[in-house]
Structures are given as C-alpha cells and as structure tokens.
Amino acid sequence: MTKKKKASKKIKNKILVAEKNEEAMVEGILEGSPDGIGVVVVRLECGCKKMAAVKKDGEPASKLIMYRDQAESICSKCKEDNGDFMRVTEAFIHWTKPEPSDAVKEKINAKVLGTMPVTN
C-alpha cells in the first residue's frame, strides 16, 4: 500500500470515529431530554461541535453542549468566541425515530437553523 493510500485510510478512519463519537453524544443528549425529538448538531471549522436537543415546537429541550472529539476541552478560539457562527461548516438536526413529517421538520429547521435565500 502506498503512503497516499495509507494516509487516506487513516483520514477515513478518523472521520468514522468522530461520527461514532457524535452519535454517542446525540443519544446521551436525547436520553436526558425526554421532550426532545431531535438534536441540533453544529460543526465548526476547528473541530469543536455544539449540540442541543430540540422540542417539537422548535424550542430547546436541553442545554447547549459544546465539545471536541478526543479532547479534554474545546479549542482556545471557541473559548474566546463561543463557536462563532462565521466558523460553522455544517449544521443539521439529527431526528429521532419515528421522524416528524417533512412539514414539521422544515418548520423546526427554519426556526432553529434559519433559512437561506433561494437563488435562480
């Protein structure tokens, strides 16, 4: 196996670990939030993440949790700016099963994550 393939495989494995860790956090948040129908996941460019459970009306069902995989604390930049919106790389809601209807999901997504203008 070439060095490039080994490096690529390591990166893929690292991504899988982060996703598994993230899934465990989601489950833990939902376990402590009986009113939660999903967990908002906000990933930042630095690797830190923000998560919170959300109720069916789009209001918070838990406190905001900020963490970084495989680290004792969040990064220094997040300590300064609390994970500023300008550094967000991805944001989505991980829904519980059974998932709400598409109309409900769309309404909650808009309330929690905002909307983006549609360009033609």
C-alpha atoms as a PDB file:
ATOM      1  CA  MET A   1       0.000   0.000   0.000  1.00  0.00           C
ATOM      2  CA  THR A   2       1.340   3.413  -0.928  1.00  0.00           C
ATOM      3  CA  LYS A   3       1.802   6.236   1.587  1.00  0.00           C
ATOM      4  CA  LYS A   4      -1.041   8.167  -0.045  1.00  0.00           C
ATOM      5  CA  LYS A   5      -3.477   5.265   0.360  1.00  0.00           C
ATOM      6  CA  LYS A   6      -2.430   4.742   3.987  1.00  0.00           C
ATOM      7  CA  ALA A   7      -2.939   8.447   4.737  1.00  0.00           C
ATOM      8  CA  SER A   8      -6.322   8.405   3.019  1.00  0.00           C
ATOM      9  CA  LYS A   9      -7.372   5.318   5.007  1.00  0.00           C
ATOM     10  CA  LYS A  10      -6.279   6.980   8.284  1.00  0.00           C
ATOM     11  CA  ILE A  11      -8.326  10.079   7.442  1.00  0.00           C
ATOM     12  CA  LYS A  12     -11.399   7.945   6.653  1.00  0.00           C
ATOM     13  CA  ASN A  13     -10.982   6.035   9.939  1.00  0.00           C
ATOM     14  CA  LYS A  14     -10.657   9.306  11.864  1.00  0.00           C
ATOM     15  CA  ILE A  15     -13.872  10.570  10.283  1.00  0.00           C
ATOM     16  CA  LEU A  16     -15.702   7.370  11.235  1.00  0.00           C
ATOM     17  CA  VAL A  17     -14.544   7.661  14.846  1.00  0.00           C
ATOM     18  CA  ALA A  18     -15.766  11.249  15.012  1.00  0.00           C
ATOM     19  CA  GLU A  19     -19.145  10.219  13.627  1.00  0.00           C
ATOM     20  CA  LYS A  20     -19.457   7.384  16.159  1.00  0.00           C
ATOM     21  CA  ASN A  21     -18.492   9.736  18.999  1.00  0.00           C
ATOM     22  CA  GLU A  22     -21.009  12.257  17.711  1.00  0.00           C
ATOM     23  CA  GLU A  23     -23.722   9.590  17.579  1.00  0.00           C
ATOM     24  CA  ALA A  24     -23.000   8.649  21.203  1.00  0.00           C
ATOM     25  CA  MET A  25     -23.330  12.310  22.221  1.00  0.00           C
ATOM     26  CA  VAL A  26     -26.626  12.611  20.345  1.00  0.00           C
ATOM     27  CA  GLU A  27     -28.000   9.534  22.116  1.00  0.00           C
ATOM     28  CA  GLY A  28     -26.844  10.840  25.511  1.00  0.00           C
ATOM     29  CA  ILE A  29     -28.455  14.225  24.930  1.00  0.00           C
ATOM     30  CA  LEU A  30     -31.733  12.612  23.866  1.00  0.00           C
ATOM     31  CA  GLU A  31     -31.665  10.287  26.865  1.00  0.00           C
ATOM     32  CA  GLY A  32     -31.519  13.308  29.172  1.00  0.00           C
ATOM     33  CA  SER A  33     -34.163  15.220  27.201  1.00  0.00           C
ATOM     34  CA  PRO A  34     -37.497  13.338  27.212  1.00  0.00           C
ATOM     35  CA  ASP A  35     -39.206  16.139  25.231  1.00  0.00           C
ATOM     36  CA  GLY A  36     -36.515  16.071  22.532  1.00  0.00           C
ATOM     37  CA  ILE A  37     -37.448  14.948  19.033  1.00  0.00           C
ATOM     38  CA  GLY A  38     -34.015  15.664  17.606  1.00  0.00           C
ATOM     39  CA  VAL A  39     -30.587  17.069  18.313  1.00  0.00           C
ATOM     40  CA  VAL A  40     -29.169  20.125  16.578  1.00  0.00           C
ATOM     41  CA  VAL A  41     -25.569  19.445  15.549  1.00  0.00           C
ATOM     42  CA  VAL A  42     -23.338  22.379  14.624  1.00  0.00           C
ATOM     43  CA  ARG A  43     -19.841  21.529  13.412  1.00  0.00           C
ATOM     44  CA  LEU A  44     -17.170  24.221  13.470  1.00  0.00           C
ATOM     45  CA  GLU A  45     -14.085  24.536  11.265  1.00  0.00           C
ATOM     46  CA  CYS A  46     -11.829  23.993  14.295  1.00  0.00           C
ATOM     47  CA  GLY A  47     -13.341  20.558  15.027  1.00  0.00           C
ATOM     48  CA  CYS A  48     -15.432  21.659  18.002  1.00  0.00           C
ATOM     49  CA  LYS A  49     -19.152  20.899  17.992  1.00  0.00           C
ATOM     50  CA  LYS A  50     -22.251  22.405  19.539  1.00  0.00           C
ATOM     51  CA  MET A  51     -25.290  20.238  20.266  1.00  0.00           C
ATOM     52  CA  ALA A  52     -28.666  20.654  21.928  1.00  0.00           C
ATOM     53  CA  ALA A  53     -31.934  18.735  21.929  1.00  0.00           C
ATOM     54  CA  VAL A  54     -34.945  20.393  20.316  1.00  0.00           C
ATOM     55  CA  LYS A  55     -38.674  20.006  21.116  1.00  0.00           C
ATOM     56  CA  LYS A  56     -41.461  19.554  18.585  1.00  0.00           C
ATOM     57  CA  ASP A  57     -42.171  23.314  18.719  1.00  0.00           C
ATOM     58  CA  GLY A  58     -38.537  24.139  17.866  1.00  0.00           C
ATOM     59  CA  GLU A  59     -37.664  25.312  21.374  1.00  0.00           C
ATOM     60  CA  PRO A  60     -34.633  23.919  23.228  1.00  0.00           C
ATOM     61  CA  ALA A  61     -35.165  20.666  25.139  1.00  0.00           C
ATOM     62  CA  SER A  62     -31.694  20.685  26.710  1.00  0.00           C
ATOM     63  CA  LYS A  63     -28.796  22.962  27.488  1.00  0.00           C
ATOM     64  CA  LEU A  64     -26.260  23.653  24.764  1.00  0.00           C
ATOM     65  CA  ILE A  65     -23.301  21.299  24.938  1.00  0.00           C
ATOM     66  CA  MET A  66     -20.025  22.243  23.332  1.00  0.00           C
ATOM     67  CA  TYR A  67     -17.268  19.684  22.967  1.00  0.00           C
ATOM     68  CA  ARG A  68     -14.415  18.427  20.828  1.00  0.00           C
ATOM     69  CA  ASP A  69     -13.845  14.743  20.000  1.00  0.00           C
ATOM     70  CA  GLN A  70     -10.866  13.162  21.773  1.00  0.00           C
ATOM     71  CA  ALA A  71     -10.122  16.366  23.723  1.00  0.00           C
ATOM     72  CA  GLU A  72     -10.433  17.442  27.335  1.00  0.00           C
ATOM     73  CA  SER A  73     -11.922  20.806  26.381  1.00  0.00           C
ATOM     74  CA  ILE A  74     -12.937  22.959  23.444  1.00  0.00           C
ATOM     75  CA  CYS A  75     -10.310  24.905  21.497  1.00  0.00           C
ATOM     76  CA  SER A  76      -8.998  28.318  22.560  1.00  0.00           C
ATOM     77  CA  LYS A  77     -10.789  30.052  19.672  1.00  0.00           C
ATOM     78  CA  CYS A  78     -14.153  28.659  20.826  1.00  0.00           C
ATOM     79  CA  LYS A  79     -13.348  29.688  24.382  1.00  0.00           C
ATOM     80  CA  GLU A  80     -12.929  33.245  23.064  1.00  0.00           C
ATOM     81  CA  ASP A  81     -15.928  33.483  20.731  1.00  0.00           C
ATOM     82  CA  ASN A  82     -18.197  30.628  21.911  1.00  0.00           C
ATOM     83  CA  GLY A  83     -18.083  28.984  18.478  1.00  0.00           C
ATOM     84  CA  ASP A  84     -18.944  31.993  16.329  1.00  0.00           C
ATOM     85  CA  PHE A  85     -21.468  31.464  13.523  1.00  0.00           C
ATOM     86  CA  MET A  86     -18.926  32.571  10.923  1.00  0.00           C
ATOM     87  CA  ARG A  87     -16.858  29.444  11.653  1.00  0.00           C
ATOM     88  CA  VAL A  88     -19.714  26.946  11.167  1.00  0.00           C
ATOM     89  CA  THR A  89     -19.033  24.354   8.468  1.00  0.00           C
ATOM     90  CA  GLU A  90     -22.175  22.239   8.868  1.00  0.00           C
ATOM     91  CA  ALA A  91     -25.408  22.443  10.826  1.00  0.00           C
ATOM     92  CA  PHE A  92     -28.270  19.942  10.819  1.00  0.00           C
ATOM     93  CA  ILE A  93     -30.801  18.212  13.031  1.00  0.00           C
ATOM     94  CA  HIS A  94     -30.415  14.526  13.849  1.00  0.00           C
ATOM     95  CA  TRP A  95     -34.050  13.337  14.180  1.00  0.00           C
ATOM     96  CA  THR A  96     -35.350  10.616  16.484  1.00  0.00           C
ATOM     97  CA  LYS A  97     -37.305   7.661  15.123  1.00  0.00           C
ATOM     98  CA  PRO A  98     -40.064   7.943  14.072  1.00  0.00           C
ATOM     99  CA  GLU A  99     -39.127  11.198  12.395  1.00  0.00           C
ATOM    100  CA  PRO A 100     -41.644  14.030  12.283  1.00  0.00           C
ATOM    101  CA  SER A 101     -43.345  14.858   8.989  1.00  0.00           C
ATOM    102  CA  ASP A 102     -41.373  16.769   6.372  1.00  0.00           C
ATOM    103  CA  ALA A 103     -43.510  19.870   7.020  1.00  0.00           C
ATOM    104  CA  VAL A 104     -42.732  19.777  10.760  1.00  0.00           C
ATOM    105  CA  LYS A 105     -39.030  19.152  10.101  1.00  0.00           C
ATOM    106  CA  GLU A 106     -38.915  22.077   7.669  1.00  0.00           C
ATOM    107  CA  LYS A 107     -40.628  24.393  10.189  1.00  0.00           C
ATOM    108  CA  ILE A 108     -38.248  23.393  13.006  1.00  0.00           C
ATOM    109  CA  ASN A 109     -35.192  23.626  10.742  1.00  0.00           C
ATOM    110  CA  ALA A 110     -36.182  27.175   9.749  1.00  0.00           C
ATOM    111  CA  LYS A 111     -36.770  28.212  13.370  1.00  0.00           C
ATOM    112  CA  VAL A 112     -33.579  26.655  14.736  1.00  0.00           C
ATOM    113  CA  LEU A 113     -31.088  26.942  11.884  1.00  0.00           C
ATOM    114  CA  GLY A 114     -32.617  29.764   9.875  1.00  0.00           C
ATOM    115  CA  THR A 115     -33.357  29.926   6.175  1.00  0.00           C
ATOM    116  CA  MET A 116     -31.237  30.741   3.174  1.00  0.00           C
ATOM    117  CA  PRO A 117     -32.436  32.707   0.170  1.00  0.00           C
ATOM    118  CA  VAL A 118     -33.167  30.683  -2.943  1.00  0.00           C
ATOM    119  CA  THR A 119     -31.221  31.855  -5.979  1.00  0.00           C
ATOM    120  CA  ASN A 120     -32.351  31.194  -9.528  1.00  0.00           C
END
